Amino acid sequence: MRGVTEMETKSETPMDAIDSIVYVRPVKVEDLPEDVREQADGLTEIYAVHNSDGDRLALVRDRKLAFIVARQNDMAPVSVH
């Protein structure tokens, strides 16, 4: 029975891994508050990084940078369309 218990434990997803997932999605600059639009340097689309509760953690210039920022902060980014 011990082997079965060990296998079950290994297949479970640790809560830390779930908590570290962040979602990257494109955002139209026109949909953002005016003070943020002013900082967009003429871009029409930027990328948002959100936690699992939907809270916005960051806004960045492009998708690649969003993934880099997430990974540098020990988070696991996934794309949302």
PDB file of N, CA and C in Angstrom:
ATOM      1  N   MET A   1       0.812  -1.206   0.000  1.00  0.00           N
ATOM      2  CA  MET A   1       0.000   0.000   0.000  1.00  0.00           C
ATOM      3  C   MET A   1       0.851   1.264   0.000  1.00  0.00           C
ATOM      4  N   ARG A   2       2.017   1.203   0.582  1.00  0.00           N
ATOM      5  CA  ARG A   2       2.843   2.410   0.658  1.00  0.00           C
ATOM      6  C   ARG A   2       3.158   2.965  -0.725  1.00  0.00           C
ATOM      7  N   GLY A   3       3.426   2.110  -1.702  1.00  0.00           N
ATOM      8  CA  GLY A   3       3.724   2.560  -3.055  1.00  0.00           C
ATOM      9  C   GLY A   3       2.570   3.339  -3.667  1.00  0.00           C
ATOM     10  N   VAL A   4       1.345   2.913  -3.396  1.00  0.00           N
ATOM     11  CA  VAL A   4       0.177   3.614  -3.927  1.00  0.00           C
ATOM     12  C   VAL A   4       0.085   5.013  -3.326  1.00  0.00           C
ATOM     13  N   THR A   5       0.290   5.129  -2.041  1.00  0.00           N
ATOM     14  CA  THR A   5       0.231   6.435  -1.387  1.00  0.00           C
ATOM     15  C   THR A   5       1.276   7.380  -1.955  1.00  0.00           C
ATOM     16  N   GLU A   6       2.499   6.908  -2.157  1.00  0.00           N
ATOM     17  CA  GLU A   6       3.555   7.744  -2.713  1.00  0.00           C
ATOM     18  C   GLU A   6       3.193   8.215  -4.120  1.00  0.00           C
ATOM     19  N   MET A   7       2.618   7.327  -4.931  1.00  0.00           N
ATOM     20  CA  MET A   7       2.239   7.705  -6.292  1.00  0.00           C
ATOM     21  C   MET A   7       1.149   8.766  -6.269  1.00  0.00           C
ATOM     22  N   GLU A   8       0.173   8.601  -5.392  1.00  0.00           N
ATOM     23  CA  GLU A   8      -0.904   9.574  -5.315  1.00  0.00           C
ATOM     24  C   GLU A   8      -0.371  10.941  -4.904  1.00  0.00           C
ATOM     25  N   THR A   9       0.535  10.981  -3.951  1.00  0.00           N
ATOM     26  CA  THR A   9       1.108  12.241  -3.508  1.00  0.00           C
ATOM     27  C   THR A   9       1.871  12.917  -4.631  1.00  0.00           C
ATOM     28  N   LYS A  10       2.627  12.165  -5.405  1.00  0.00           N
ATOM     29  CA  LYS A  10       3.410  12.739  -6.488  1.00  0.00           C
ATOM     30  C   LYS A  10       2.527  13.289  -7.597  1.00  0.00           C
ATOM     31  N   SER A  11       1.356  12.738  -7.803  1.00  0.00           N
ATOM     32  CA  SER A  11       0.500  13.193  -8.892  1.00  0.00           C
ATOM     33  C   SER A  11      -0.344  14.405  -8.511  1.00  0.00           C
ATOM     34  N   GLU A  12      -0.432  14.705  -7.224  1.00  0.00           N
ATOM     35  CA  GLU A  12      -1.205  15.858  -6.790  1.00  0.00           C
ATOM     36  C   GLU A  12      -0.447  17.141  -7.101  1.00  0.00           C
ATOM     37  N   THR A  13      -1.176  18.192  -7.407  1.00  0.00           N
ATOM     38  CA  THR A  13      -0.563  19.482  -7.675  1.00  0.00           C
ATOM     39  C   THR A  13      -0.427  20.236  -6.363  1.00  0.00           C
ATOM     40  N   PRO A  14       0.797  20.624  -5.994  1.00  0.00           N
ATOM     41  CA  PRO A  14       0.966  21.370  -4.742  1.00  0.00           C
ATOM     42  C   PRO A  14       0.247  22.720  -4.824  1.00  0.00           C
ATOM     43  N   MET A  15      -0.273  23.175  -3.693  1.00  0.00           N
ATOM     44  CA  MET A  15      -0.971  24.467  -3.662  1.00  0.00           C
ATOM     45  C   MET A  15      -0.048  25.610  -4.056  1.00  0.00           C
ATOM     46  N   ASP A  16       1.240  25.511  -3.728  1.00  0.00           N
ATOM     47  CA  ASP A  16       2.182  26.561  -4.111  1.00  0.00           C
ATOM     48  C   ASP A  16       2.243  26.705  -5.624  1.00  0.00           C
ATOM     49  N   ALA A  17       2.189  25.590  -6.334  1.00  0.00           N
ATOM     50  CA  ALA A  17       2.242  25.644  -7.797  1.00  0.00           C
ATOM     51  C   ALA A  17       0.986  26.312  -8.353  1.00  0.00           C
ATOM     52  N   ILE A  18      -0.147  26.019  -7.781  1.00  0.00           N
ATOM     53  CA  ILE A  18      -1.402  26.630  -8.231  1.00  0.00           C
ATOM     54  C   ILE A  18      -1.383  28.123  -7.933  1.00  0.00           C
ATOM     55  N   ASP A  19      -0.919  28.496  -6.756  1.00  0.00           N
ATOM     56  CA  ASP A  19      -0.873  29.910  -6.372  1.00  0.00           C
ATOM     57  C   ASP A  19       0.100  30.709  -7.214  1.00  0.00           C
ATOM     58  N   SER A  20       1.085  30.055  -7.820  1.00  0.00           N
ATOM     59  CA  SER A  20       2.088  30.788  -8.585  1.00  0.00           C
ATOM     60  C   SER A  20       1.704  30.972 -10.053  1.00  0.00           C
ATOM     61  N   ILE A  21       0.573  30.433 -10.467  1.00  0.00           N
ATOM     62  CA  ILE A  21       0.127  30.601 -11.851  1.00  0.00           C
ATOM     63  C   ILE A  21      -0.405  32.016 -12.039  1.00  0.00           C
ATOM     64  N   VAL A  22       0.063  32.660 -13.100  1.00  0.00           N
ATOM     65  CA  VAL A  22      -0.456  33.977 -13.471  1.00  0.00           C
ATOM     66  C   VAL A  22      -0.902  33.920 -14.923  1.00  0.00           C
ATOM     67  N   TYR A  23      -1.799  34.803 -15.276  1.00  0.00           N
ATOM     68  CA  TYR A  23      -2.396  34.802 -16.598  1.00  0.00           C
ATOM     69  C   TYR A  23      -1.982  36.057 -17.359  1.00  0.00           C
ATOM     70  N   VAL A  24      -1.538  35.865 -18.578  1.00  0.00           N
ATOM     71  CA  VAL A  24      -1.080  36.959 -19.426  1.00  0.00           C
ATOM     72  C   VAL A  24      -2.105  37.154 -20.534  1.00  0.00           C
ATOM     73  N   ARG A  25      -2.567  38.393 -20.684  1.00  0.00           N
ATOM     74  CA  ARG A  25      -3.546  38.653 -21.740  1.00  0.00           C
ATOM     75  C   ARG A  25      -3.322  40.041 -22.331  1.00  0.00           C
ATOM     76  N   PRO A  26      -3.662  40.188 -23.609  1.00  0.00           N
ATOM     77  CA  PRO A  26      -3.537  41.502 -24.237  1.00  0.00           C
ATOM     78  C   PRO A  26      -4.635  42.437 -23.740  1.00  0.00           C
ATOM     79  N   VAL A  27      -4.309  43.720 -23.669  1.00  0.00           N
ATOM     80  CA  VAL A  27      -5.247  44.741 -23.225  1.00  0.00           C
ATOM     81  C   VAL A  27      -5.149  45.914 -24.193  1.00  0.00           C
ATOM     82  N   LYS A  28      -6.294  46.395 -24.649  1.00  0.00           N
ATOM     83  CA  LYS A  28      -6.292  47.589 -25.500  1.00  0.00           C
ATOM     84  C   LYS A  28      -6.015  48.805 -24.627  1.00  0.00           C
ATOM     85  N   VAL A  29      -5.060  49.602 -25.045  1.00  0.00           N
ATOM     86  CA  VAL A  29      -4.679  50.794 -24.286  1.00  0.00           C
ATOM     87  C   VAL A  29      -5.880  51.716 -24.115  1.00  0.00           C
ATOM     88  N   GLU A  30      -6.740  51.794 -25.117  1.00  0.00           N
ATOM     89  CA  GLU A  30      -7.905  52.685 -25.032  1.00  0.00           C
ATOM     90  C   GLU A  30      -8.862  52.309 -23.904  1.00  0.00           C
ATOM     91  N   ASP A  31      -8.785  51.059 -23.424  1.00  0.00           N
ATOM     92  CA  ASP A  31      -9.657  50.605 -22.344  1.00  0.00           C
ATOM     93  C   ASP A  31      -9.087  50.876 -20.949  1.00  0.00           C
ATOM     94  N   LEU A  32      -7.899  51.444 -20.882  1.00  0.00           N
ATOM     95  CA  LEU A  32      -7.228  51.690 -19.609  1.00  0.00           C
ATOM     96  C   LEU A  32      -7.490  53.108 -19.125  1.00  0.00           C
ATOM     97  N   PRO A  33      -7.271  53.354 -17.830  1.00  0.00           N
ATOM     98  CA  PRO A  33      -7.446  54.717 -17.301  1.00  0.00           C
ATOM     99  C   PRO A  33      -6.498  55.701 -17.992  1.00  0.00           C
ATOM    100  N   GLU A  34      -6.896  56.951 -18.008  1.00  0.00           N
ATOM    101  CA  GLU A  34      -6.144  57.978 -18.730  1.00  0.00           C
ATOM    102  C   GLU A  34      -4.682  58.060 -18.305  1.00  0.00           C
ATOM    103  N   ASP A  35      -4.415  57.987 -17.002  1.00  0.00           N
ATOM    104  CA  ASP A  35      -3.028  58.096 -16.545  1.00  0.00           C
ATOM    105  C   ASP A  35      -2.160  56.952 -17.060  1.00  0.00           C
ATOM    106  N   VAL A  36      -2.741  55.779 -17.256  1.00  0.00           N
ATOM    107  CA  VAL A  36      -1.999  54.642 -17.806  1.00  0.00           C
ATOM    108  C   VAL A  36      -1.827  54.830 -19.315  1.00  0.00           C
ATOM    109  N   ARG A  37      -2.868  55.298 -19.992  1.00  0.00           N
ATOM    110  CA  ARG A  37      -2.778  55.543 -21.440  1.00  0.00           C
ATOM    111  C   ARG A  37      -1.648  56.519 -21.757  1.00  0.00           C
ATOM    112  N   GLU A  38      -1.487  57.525 -20.918  1.00  0.00           N
ATOM    113  CA  GLU A  38      -0.438  58.518 -21.141  1.00  0.00           C
ATOM    114  C   GLU A  38       0.964  57.906 -21.090  1.00  0.00           C
ATOM    115  N   GLN A  39       1.114  56.804 -20.384  1.00  0.00           N
ATOM    116  CA  GLN A  39       2.415  56.151 -20.239  1.00  0.00           C
ATOM    117  C   GLN A  39       2.656  55.086 -21.306  1.00  0.00           C
ATOM    118  N   ALA A  40       1.693  54.864 -22.192  1.00  0.00           N
ATOM    119  CA  ALA A  40       1.764  53.776 -23.169  1.00  0.00           C
ATOM    120  C   ALA A  40       2.631  54.095 -24.385  1.00  0.00           C
ATOM    121  N   ASP A  41       3.163  55.301 -24.462  1.00  0.00           N
ATOM    122  CA  ASP A  41       4.093  55.679 -25.543  1.00  0.00           C
ATOM    123  C   ASP A  41       3.591  55.336 -26.942  1.00  0.00           C
ATOM    124  N   GLY A  42       2.316  55.604 -27.201  1.00  0.00           N
ATOM    125  CA  GLY A  42       1.767  55.394 -28.534  1.00  0.00           C
ATOM    126  C   GLY A  42       1.367  53.966 -28.872  1.00  0.00           C
ATOM    127  N   LEU A  43       1.514  53.042 -27.936  1.00  0.00           N
ATOM    128  CA  LEU A  43       1.099  51.655 -28.185  1.00  0.00           C
ATOM    129  C   LEU A  43      -0.423  51.574 -28.198  1.00  0.00           C
ATOM    130  N   THR A  44      -0.960  50.658 -28.975  1.00  0.00           N
ATOM    131  CA  THR A  44      -2.404  50.448 -28.986  1.00  0.00           C
ATOM    132  C   THR A  44      -2.798  49.227 -28.159  1.00  0.00           C
ATOM    133  N   GLU A  45      -1.829  48.373 -27.873  1.00  0.00           N
ATOM    134  CA  GLU A  45      -2.084  47.158 -27.092  1.00  0.00           C
ATOM    135  C   GLU A  45      -0.875  46.900 -26.198  1.00  0.00           C
ATOM    136  N   ILE A  46      -1.155  46.534 -24.943  1.00  0.00           N
ATOM    137  CA  ILE A  46      -0.107  46.113 -24.023  1.00  0.00           C
ATOM    138  C   ILE A  46      -0.569  44.817 -23.374  1.00  0.00           C
ATOM    139  N   TYR A  47       0.238  44.262 -22.476  1.00  0.00           N
ATOM    140  CA  TYR A  47      -0.106  42.980 -21.868  1.00  0.00           C
ATOM    141  C   TYR A  47      -0.234  43.109 -20.360  1.00  0.00           C
ATOM    142  N   ALA A  48      -1.255  42.474 -19.833  1.00  0.00           N
ATOM    143  CA  ALA A  48      -1.513  42.471 -18.398  1.00  0.00           C
ATOM    144  C   ALA A  48      -1.182  41.106 -17.826  1.00  0.00           C
ATOM    145  N   VAL A  49      -0.666  41.117 -16.610  1.00  0.00           N
ATOM    146  CA  VAL A  49      -0.402  39.891 -15.864  1.00  0.00           C
ATOM    147  C   VAL A  49      -1.364  39.900 -14.682  1.00  0.00           C
ATOM    148  N   HIS A  50      -2.172  38.844 -14.569  1.00  0.00           N
ATOM    149  CA  HIS A  50      -3.184  38.743 -13.514  1.00  0.00           C
ATOM    150  C   HIS A  50      -2.947  37.506 -12.667  1.00  0.00           C
ATOM    151  N   ASN A  51      -3.289  37.580 -11.380  1.00  0.00           N
ATOM    152  CA  ASN A  51      -3.235  36.385 -10.537  1.00  0.00           C
ATOM    153  C   ASN A  51      -4.525  35.581 -10.717  1.00  0.00           C
ATOM    154  N   SER A  52      -4.632  34.481  -9.991  1.00  0.00           N
ATOM    155  CA  SER A  52      -5.793  33.600 -10.167  1.00  0.00           C
ATOM    156  C   SER A  52      -7.096  34.221  -9.681  1.00  0.00           C
ATOM    157  N   ASP A  53      -7.020  35.284  -8.872  1.00  0.00           N
ATOM    158  CA  ASP A  53      -8.223  35.995  -8.430  1.00  0.00           C
ATOM    159  C   ASP A  53      -8.656  37.072  -9.417  1.00  0.00           C
ATOM    160  N   GLY A  54      -7.848  37.270 -10.463  1.00  0.00           N
ATOM    161  CA  GLY A  54      -8.165  38.283 -11.457  1.00  0.00           C
ATOM    162  C   GLY A  54      -7.559  39.644 -11.175  1.00  0.00           C
ATOM    163  N   ASP A  55      -6.803  39.747 -10.089  1.00  0.00           N
ATOM    164  CA  ASP A  55      -6.161  41.017  -9.763  1.00  0.00           C
ATOM    165  C   ASP A  55      -5.023  41.288 -10.741  1.00  0.00           C
ATOM    166  N   ARG A  56      -4.959  42.498 -11.256  1.00  0.00           N
ATOM    167  CA  ARG A  56      -3.882  42.873 -12.180  1.00  0.00           C
ATOM    168  C   ARG A  56      -2.612  43.120 -11.376  1.00  0.00           C
ATOM    169  N   LEU A  57      -1.566  42.396 -11.742  1.00  0.00           N
ATOM    170  CA  LEU A  57      -0.289  42.528 -11.050  1.00  0.00           C
ATOM    171  C   LEU A  57       0.674  43.444 -11.793  1.00  0.00           C
ATOM    172  N   ALA A  58       0.558  43.464 -13.123  1.00  0.00           N
ATOM    173  CA  ALA A  58       1.498  44.265 -13.923  1.00  0.00           C
ATOM    174  C   ALA A  58       0.918  44.553 -15.291  1.00  0.00           C
ATOM    175  N   LEU A  59       1.389  45.642 -15.871  1.00  0.00           N
ATOM    176  CA  LEU A  59       1.134  45.976 -17.268  1.00  0.00           C
ATOM    177  C   LEU A  59       2.498  46.161 -17.916  1.00  0.00           C
ATOM    178  N   VAL A  60       2.706  45.494 -19.038  1.00  0.00           N
ATOM    179  CA  VAL A  60       3.994  45.592 -19.721  1.00  0.00           C
ATOM    180  C   VAL A  60       3.793  45.783 -21.213  1.00  0.00           C
ATOM    181  N   ARG A  61       4.851  46.190 -21.867  1.00  0.00           N
ATOM    182  CA  ARG A  61       4.824  46.577 -23.284  1.00  0.00           C
ATOM    183  C   ARG A  61       4.502  45.424 -24.242  1.00  0.00           C
ATOM    184  N   ASP A  62       4.995  44.199 -23.962  1.00  0.00           N
ATOM    185  CA  ASP A  62       4.728  43.096 -24.899  1.00  0.00           C
ATOM    186  C   ASP A  62       4.624  41.755 -24.173  1.00  0.00           C
ATOM    187  N   ARG A  63       4.142  40.762 -24.895  1.00  0.00           N
ATOM    188  CA  ARG A  63       3.879  39.435 -24.332  1.00  0.00           C
ATOM    189  C   ARG A  63       5.158  38.787 -23.799  1.00  0.00           C
ATOM    190  N   LYS A  64       6.210  38.880 -24.569  1.00  0.00           N
ATOM    191  CA  LYS A  64       7.476  38.264 -24.153  1.00  0.00           C
ATOM    192  C   LYS A  64       7.935  38.831 -22.815  1.00  0.00           C
ATOM    193  N   LEU A  65       7.856  40.138 -22.661  1.00  0.00           N
ATOM    194  CA  LEU A  65       8.249  40.783 -21.409  1.00  0.00           C
ATOM    195  C   LEU A  65       7.341  40.347 -20.260  1.00  0.00           C
ATOM    196  N   ALA A  66       6.068  40.167 -20.523  1.00  0.00           N
ATOM    197  CA  ALA A  66       5.140  39.712 -19.483  1.00  0.00           C
ATOM    198  C   ALA A  66       5.562  38.348 -18.946  1.00  0.00           C
ATOM    199  N   PHE A  67       5.961  37.450 -19.835  1.00  0.00           N
ATOM    200  CA  PHE A  67       6.413  36.122 -19.414  1.00  0.00           C
ATOM    201  C   PHE A  67       7.728  36.218 -18.639  1.00  0.00           C
ATOM    202  N   ILE A  68       8.625  37.076 -19.090  1.00  0.00           N
ATOM    203  CA  ILE A  68       9.907  37.252 -18.398  1.00  0.00           C
ATOM    204  C   ILE A  68       9.681  37.785 -16.980  1.00  0.00           C
ATOM    205  N   VAL A  69       8.861  38.810 -16.861  1.00  0.00           N
ATOM    206  CA  VAL A  69       8.580  39.409 -15.551  1.00  0.00           C
ATOM    207  C   VAL A  69       7.956  38.370 -14.619  1.00  0.00           C
ATOM    208  N   ALA A  70       7.017  37.611 -15.111  1.00  0.00           N
ATOM    209  CA  ALA A  70       6.371  36.582 -14.286  1.00  0.00           C
ATOM    210  C   ALA A  70       7.392  35.558 -13.800  1.00  0.00           C
ATOM    211  N   ARG A  71       8.209  35.055 -14.698  1.00  0.00           N
ATOM    212  CA  ARG A  71       9.198  34.035 -14.321  1.00  0.00           C
ATOM    213  C   ARG A  71      10.248  34.588 -13.361  1.00  0.00           C
ATOM    214  N   GLN A  72      10.640  35.845 -13.537  1.00  0.00           N
ATOM    215  CA  GLN A  72      11.611  36.452 -12.626  1.00  0.00           C
ATOM    216  C   GLN A  72      11.049  36.580 -11.213  1.00  0.00           C
ATOM    217  N   ASN A  73       9.743  36.548 -11.098  1.00  0.00           N
ATOM    218  CA  ASN A  73       9.083  36.625  -9.798  1.00  0.00           C
ATOM    219  C   ASN A  73       8.544  35.274  -9.339  1.00  0.00           C
ATOM    220  N   ASP A  74       9.149  34.205  -9.868  1.00  0.00           N
ATOM    221  CA  ASP A  74       8.813  32.831  -9.484  1.00  0.00           C
ATOM    222  C   ASP A  74       7.352  32.482  -9.718  1.00  0.00           C
ATOM    223  N   MET A  75       6.802  32.988 -10.809  1.00  0.00           N
ATOM    224  CA  MET A  75       5.430  32.683 -11.186  1.00  0.00           C
ATOM    225  C   MET A  75       5.426  31.910 -12.490  1.00  0.00           C
ATOM    226  N   ALA A  76       4.363  31.157 -12.718  1.00  0.00           N
ATOM    227  CA  ALA A  76       4.223  30.342 -13.911  1.00  0.00           C
ATOM    228  C   ALA A  76       3.187  30.992 -14.838  1.00  0.00           C
ATOM    229  N   PRO A  77       3.635  31.690 -15.874  1.00  0.00           N
ATOM    230  CA  PRO A  77       2.687  32.398 -16.756  1.00  0.00           C
ATOM    231  C   PRO A  77       2.015  31.477 -17.765  1.00  0.00           C
ATOM    232  N   VAL A  78       0.744  31.758 -18.034  1.00  0.00           N
ATOM    233  CA  VAL A  78       0.002  31.091 -19.094  1.00  0.00           C
ATOM    234  C   VAL A  78      -0.759  32.160 -19.873  1.00  0.00           C
ATOM    235  N   SER A  79      -0.936  31.916 -21.157  1.00  0.00           N
ATOM    236  CA  SER A  79      -1.656  32.874 -22.001  1.00  0.00           C
ATOM    237  C   SER A  79      -3.154  32.728 -21.873  1.00  0.00           C
ATOM    238  N   VAL A  80      -3.837  33.856 -21.913  1.00  0.00           N
ATOM    239  CA  VAL A  80      -5.287  33.890 -21.942  1.00  0.00           C
ATOM    240  C   VAL A  80      -5.670  34.715 -23.165  1.00  0.00           C
ATOM    241  N   HIS A  81      -6.597  34.222 -23.944  1.00  0.00           N
ATOM    242  CA  HIS A  81      -6.969  34.940 -25.166  1.00  0.00           C
ATOM    243  C   HIS A  81      -8.270  35.681 -24.989  1.00  0.00           C
TER     244      HIS A  81
END
